[in-house]
């Protein structure tokens, strides 16, 4: 099952006052522009704040320490 991770850096979050509505807008834009034909459900959109990356997110980046 496909997921969308929206990673929010600390500076971006502070500057843009990133909240769940912004995350939803970014994910929706990605879905609209995605040409692969994949389908996403709202519960597959995951906001990740810098410094709070979990093991699932990190597993997509093999060199992450």
Protein backbone atom coordinates (compact mmCIF):
# COMPACT_ATOMS: atom_id res chain seq x y z
CA UNK A 1 0.00 0.00 0.00
CA UNK A 2 1.43 3.37 -1.02
CA UNK A 3 1.97 6.10 1.54
CA UNK A 4 2.78 9.78 1.27
CA UNK A 5 5.24 11.13 3.80
CA UNK A 6 5.34 14.92 4.15
CA UNK A 7 8.61 15.71 5.91
CA UNK A 8 8.59 19.13 7.55
CA UNK A 9 11.94 20.71 8.38
CA UNK A 10 12.13 22.79 11.56
CA UNK A 11 12.82 26.07 9.76
CA UNK A 12 10.04 25.53 7.24
CA UNK A 13 7.58 24.61 9.96
CA UNK A 14 8.39 27.72 11.98
CA UNK A 15 8.36 30.03 8.98
CA UNK A 16 5.20 28.69 7.39
CA UNK A 17 3.39 27.71 10.58
CA UNK A 18 2.99 24.26 9.10
CA UNK A 19 -0.15 22.56 10.31
CA UNK A 20 -2.28 19.62 9.27
CA UNK A 21 -4.20 21.71 6.71
CA UNK A 22 -0.93 22.60 4.95
CA UNK A 23 0.16 18.96 5.00
CA UNK A 24 -3.15 17.95 3.45
CA UNK A 25 -2.77 20.61 0.74
CA UNK A 26 0.76 19.46 -0.12
CA UNK A 27 -0.29 15.83 -0.26
CA UNK A 28 -3.36 16.65 -2.37
CA UNK A 29 -1.20 18.57 -4.83
CA UNK A 30 1.19 15.62 -5.07
CA UNK A 31 -1.72 13.24 -5.70
CA UNK A 32 -3.14 15.48 -8.43
CA UNK A 33 0.24 15.73 -10.18
CA UNK A 34 1.15 12.05 -9.78
CA UNK A 35 0.96 10.38 -13.19
CA UNK A 36 1.40 6.81 -11.94
CA UNK A 37 -2.30 6.18 -11.39
CA UNK A 38 -1.79 5.21 -7.76
CA UNK A 39 -4.68 5.77 -5.38
CA UNK A 40 -4.20 7.14 -1.89
CA UNK A 41 -6.46 7.17 1.15
CA UNK A 42 -6.35 10.02 3.69
CA UNK A 43 -4.87 7.73 6.35
CA UNK A 44 -1.90 7.09 4.04
CA UNK A 45 -0.71 10.70 4.34
CA UNK A 46 1.81 10.94 7.16
CA UNK A 47 3.34 14.16 8.50
CA UNK A 48 6.90 13.78 9.77
CA UNK A 49 8.47 16.62 11.76
CA UNK A 50 12.27 17.00 11.58
CA UNK A 51 13.86 15.24 14.52
CA UNK A 52 10.84 12.97 15.03
CA UNK A 53 11.45 10.58 12.14
CA UNK A 54 10.29 7.08 13.07
CA UNK A 55 11.73 3.73 12.00
CA UNK A 56 9.17 3.33 9.20
CA UNK A 57 10.15 6.63 7.62
CA UNK A 58 13.86 5.95 8.07
CA UNK A 59 13.51 2.51 6.47
CA UNK A 60 13.03 4.23 3.10
CA UNK A 61 16.54 5.71 3.42
CA UNK A 62 19.02 2.84 3.85
CA UNK A 63 21.97 5.12 4.67
CA UNK A 64 20.09 6.95 7.45
CA UNK A 65 21.91 6.60 10.78
